[in-house]
Amino acid sequence: MTTLAGDDSAKLSHELLSPDQVAALLPGVTKGTLAMWRYEHKGPKYYKLGRKVVYALDELEEWLAASASGAERE
């Protein structure tokens, strides 16, 4: 996992992940699937930093929670 920061006093508030890292975290999701989702404007929120695509870990977790289906259990 990559955190972009110049030094300890100037850290970003998001931990940023590459598409490779996201694909490794989500079973059944490949880099190709992530690319198709970006093209179709689906899937988790992402950022373009120049030519690099990154995903914020906290936003990925929120997207995953919002995508959950089924009844809640008590």
N, C-alpha and C. Protein backbone atom coordinates (compact mmCIF):
# COMPACT_ATOMS: atom_id res chain seq x y z
N MET A 1 0.84 -1.17 0.00
CA MET A 1 0.00 0.00 0.00
C MET A 1 0.89 1.24 0.00
N THR A 2 0.47 2.23 -0.69
CA THR A 2 1.29 3.42 -0.86
C THR A 2 0.61 4.63 -0.23
N THR A 3 1.35 5.32 0.60
CA THR A 3 0.89 6.59 1.12
C THR A 3 1.80 7.65 0.53
N LEU A 4 1.21 8.61 -0.13
CA LEU A 4 2.01 9.68 -0.71
C LEU A 4 2.24 10.76 0.33
N ALA A 5 3.50 11.00 0.65
CA ALA A 5 3.81 12.03 1.63
C ALA A 5 5.26 12.47 1.45
N GLY A 6 5.50 13.75 1.65
CA GLY A 6 6.86 14.26 1.57
C GLY A 6 7.62 14.00 2.86
N ASP A 7 6.97 14.23 3.98
CA ASP A 7 7.55 13.93 5.28
C ASP A 7 6.41 13.67 6.25
N ASP A 8 6.72 13.38 7.50
CA ASP A 8 5.70 13.03 8.48
C ASP A 8 4.76 14.18 8.80
N SER A 9 5.18 15.42 8.60
CA SER A 9 4.34 16.55 8.95
C SER A 9 3.34 16.91 7.85
N ALA A 10 3.51 16.35 6.64
CA ALA A 10 2.64 16.72 5.52
C ALA A 10 2.06 15.48 4.85
N LYS A 11 1.33 14.67 5.60
CA LYS A 11 0.75 13.45 5.04
C LYS A 11 -0.63 13.73 4.47
N LEU A 12 -0.97 12.98 3.43
CA LEU A 12 -2.32 13.04 2.88
C LEU A 12 -3.26 12.31 3.82
N SER A 13 -4.53 12.65 3.75
CA SER A 13 -5.50 12.02 4.63
C SER A 13 -5.95 10.66 4.12
N HIS A 14 -5.62 10.30 2.88
CA HIS A 14 -6.02 9.03 2.31
C HIS A 14 -4.80 8.13 2.08
N GLU A 15 -4.97 6.85 2.36
CA GLU A 15 -3.96 5.87 1.95
C GLU A 15 -4.34 5.46 0.53
N LEU A 16 -3.42 5.61 -0.41
CA LEU A 16 -3.71 5.39 -1.81
C LEU A 16 -3.22 4.03 -2.28
N LEU A 17 -4.06 3.35 -3.07
CA LEU A 17 -3.75 2.03 -3.58
C LEU A 17 -3.72 2.04 -5.10
N SER A 18 -2.85 1.25 -5.67
CA SER A 18 -2.80 1.09 -7.13
C SER A 18 -3.88 0.09 -7.55
N PRO A 19 -4.22 0.05 -8.84
CA PRO A 19 -5.17 -0.96 -9.31
C PRO A 19 -4.71 -2.38 -8.99
N ASP A 20 -3.41 -2.65 -9.05
CA ASP A 20 -2.89 -3.97 -8.68
C ASP A 20 -3.24 -4.31 -7.23
N GLN A 21 -3.07 -3.36 -6.34
CA GLN A 21 -3.35 -3.58 -4.94
C GLN A 21 -4.84 -3.78 -4.69
N VAL A 22 -5.68 -3.00 -5.39
CA VAL A 22 -7.13 -3.14 -5.23
C VAL A 22 -7.57 -4.51 -5.73
N ALA A 23 -7.05 -4.94 -6.89
CA ALA A 23 -7.40 -6.24 -7.44
C ALA A 23 -6.99 -7.37 -6.49
N ALA A 24 -5.87 -7.20 -5.81
CA ALA A 24 -5.42 -8.22 -4.85
C ALA A 24 -6.32 -8.27 -3.62
N LEU A 25 -6.94 -7.15 -3.27
CA LEU A 25 -7.81 -7.08 -2.09
C LEU A 25 -9.22 -7.61 -2.35
N LEU A 26 -9.70 -7.49 -3.59
CA LEU A 26 -11.08 -7.84 -3.91
C LEU A 26 -11.12 -9.16 -4.68
N PRO A 27 -11.61 -10.23 -4.07
CA PRO A 27 -11.66 -11.53 -4.75
C PRO A 27 -12.47 -11.46 -6.03
N GLY A 28 -11.95 -12.02 -7.11
CA GLY A 28 -12.66 -12.06 -8.38
C GLY A 28 -12.60 -10.80 -9.19
N VAL A 29 -11.92 -9.77 -8.70
CA VAL A 29 -11.81 -8.51 -9.42
C VAL A 29 -10.38 -8.40 -9.96
N THR A 30 -10.28 -8.20 -11.27
CA THR A 30 -8.97 -8.07 -11.90
C THR A 30 -8.69 -6.61 -12.25
N LYS A 31 -7.45 -6.34 -12.64
CA LYS A 31 -7.11 -4.99 -13.12
C LYS A 31 -7.97 -4.64 -14.33
N GLY A 32 -8.25 -5.63 -15.18
CA GLY A 32 -9.10 -5.41 -16.35
C GLY A 32 -10.52 -5.03 -15.96
N THR A 33 -11.03 -5.69 -14.93
CA THR A 33 -12.38 -5.35 -14.43
C THR A 33 -12.40 -3.92 -13.92
N LEU A 34 -11.39 -3.53 -13.16
CA LEU A 34 -11.31 -2.16 -12.65
C LEU A 34 -11.25 -1.16 -13.80
N ALA A 35 -10.48 -1.47 -14.84
CA ALA A 35 -10.37 -0.58 -16.00
C ALA A 35 -11.72 -0.46 -16.70
N MET A 36 -12.45 -1.58 -16.84
CA MET A 36 -13.76 -1.54 -17.49
C MET A 36 -14.73 -0.72 -16.65
N TRP A 37 -14.69 -0.90 -15.33
CA TRP A 37 -15.56 -0.11 -14.45
C TRP A 37 -15.26 1.38 -14.60
N ARG A 38 -13.99 1.75 -14.69
CA ARG A 38 -13.65 3.17 -14.87
C ARG A 38 -14.22 3.68 -16.18
N TYR A 39 -14.08 2.88 -17.25
CA TYR A 39 -14.59 3.26 -18.57
C TYR A 39 -16.11 3.43 -18.54
N GLU A 40 -16.80 2.54 -17.81
CA GLU A 40 -18.26 2.56 -17.73
C GLU A 40 -18.79 3.46 -16.61
N HIS A 41 -17.89 4.14 -15.92
CA HIS A 41 -18.25 5.01 -14.79
C HIS A 41 -18.99 4.22 -13.70
N LYS A 42 -18.48 3.04 -13.40
CA LYS A 42 -19.00 2.18 -12.34
C LYS A 42 -17.88 1.93 -11.35
N GLY A 43 -18.20 1.17 -10.33
CA GLY A 43 -17.18 0.73 -9.40
C GLY A 43 -16.76 1.80 -8.42
N PRO A 44 -15.67 1.53 -7.71
CA PRO A 44 -15.22 2.47 -6.68
C PRO A 44 -14.65 3.76 -7.28
N LYS A 45 -14.73 4.81 -6.49
CA LYS A 45 -14.18 6.11 -6.87
C LYS A 45 -12.66 5.97 -7.05
N TYR A 46 -12.13 6.66 -8.04
CA TYR A 46 -10.68 6.63 -8.29
C TYR A 46 -10.19 8.03 -8.61
N TYR A 47 -8.90 8.18 -8.59
CA TYR A 47 -8.25 9.46 -8.89
C TYR A 47 -7.20 9.23 -9.97
N LYS A 48 -7.04 10.22 -10.85
CA LYS A 48 -5.97 10.19 -11.84
C LYS A 48 -4.92 11.21 -11.41
N LEU A 49 -3.72 10.74 -11.22
CA LEU A 49 -2.58 11.59 -10.88
C LEU A 49 -1.63 11.52 -12.08
N GLY A 50 -1.81 12.45 -13.00
CA GLY A 50 -1.09 12.34 -14.26
C GLY A 50 -1.67 11.16 -15.01
N ARG A 51 -0.83 10.17 -15.30
CA ARG A 51 -1.29 8.95 -15.98
C ARG A 51 -1.57 7.82 -14.99
N LYS A 52 -1.28 8.04 -13.73
CA LYS A 52 -1.49 7.01 -12.70
C LYS A 52 -2.92 7.03 -12.20
N VAL A 53 -3.47 5.85 -11.96
CA VAL A 53 -4.79 5.69 -11.36
C VAL A 53 -4.57 5.19 -9.94
N VAL A 54 -5.23 5.81 -8.98
CA VAL A 54 -5.14 5.37 -7.59
C VAL A 54 -6.53 5.37 -6.96
N TYR A 55 -6.67 4.56 -5.94
CA TYR A 55 -7.91 4.46 -5.18
C TYR A 55 -7.60 4.76 -3.72
N ALA A 56 -8.47 5.52 -3.07
CA ALA A 56 -8.31 5.80 -1.64
C ALA A 56 -8.89 4.62 -0.86
N LEU A 57 -8.11 4.05 0.05
CA LEU A 57 -8.52 2.86 0.79
C LEU A 57 -9.82 3.09 1.54
N ASP A 58 -9.97 4.22 2.22
CA ASP A 58 -11.20 4.46 2.99
C ASP A 58 -12.42 4.55 2.07
N GLU A 59 -12.26 5.15 0.89
CA GLU A 59 -13.38 5.24 -0.06
C GLU A 59 -13.69 3.88 -0.68
N LEU A 60 -12.67 3.07 -0.87
CA LEU A 60 -12.88 1.71 -1.37
C LEU A 60 -13.69 0.90 -0.35
N GLU A 61 -13.35 1.04 0.93
CA GLU A 61 -14.09 0.33 1.98
C GLU A 61 -15.54 0.81 2.04
N GLU A 62 -15.78 2.11 1.88
CA GLU A 62 -17.15 2.65 1.87
C GLU A 62 -17.93 2.10 0.68
N TRP A 63 -17.31 2.06 -0.50
CA TRP A 63 -17.96 1.53 -1.69
C TRP A 63 -18.32 0.07 -1.49
N LEU A 64 -17.40 -0.69 -0.92
CA LEU A 64 -17.65 -2.10 -0.69
C LEU A 64 -18.81 -2.29 0.28
N ALA A 65 -18.87 -1.51 1.35
CA ALA A 65 -19.96 -1.60 2.32
C ALA A 65 -21.29 -1.22 1.66
N ALA A 66 -21.28 -0.20 0.82
CA ALA A 66 -22.51 0.24 0.14
C ALA A 66 -22.98 -0.78 -0.90
N SER A 67 -22.05 -1.61 -1.38
CA SER A 67 -22.38 -2.61 -2.39
C SER A 67 -22.90 -3.92 -1.79
N ALA A 68 -22.89 -4.01 -0.49
CA ALA A 68 -23.33 -5.25 0.18
C ALA A 68 -24.80 -5.51 -0.12
N SER A 69 -25.14 -6.78 -0.30
CA SER A 69 -26.53 -7.14 -0.53
C SER A 69 -26.95 -8.18 0.50
N GLY A 70 -28.24 -8.37 0.63
CA GLY A 70 -28.76 -9.34 1.58
C GLY A 70 -29.31 -8.66 2.82
N ALA A 71 -30.01 -9.45 3.61
CA ALA A 71 -30.62 -8.93 4.82
C ALA A 71 -29.58 -8.77 5.92
N GLU A 72 -29.80 -7.75 6.73
CA GLU A 72 -28.92 -7.56 7.89
C GLU A 72 -29.27 -8.60 8.95
N ARG A 73 -28.26 -9.06 9.64
CA ARG A 73 -28.48 -10.03 10.70
C ARG A 73 -28.23 -9.38 12.04
N GLU A 74 -29.01 -9.80 12.99
CA GLU A 74 -28.83 -9.24 14.35
C GLU A 74 -28.15 -10.22 15.23
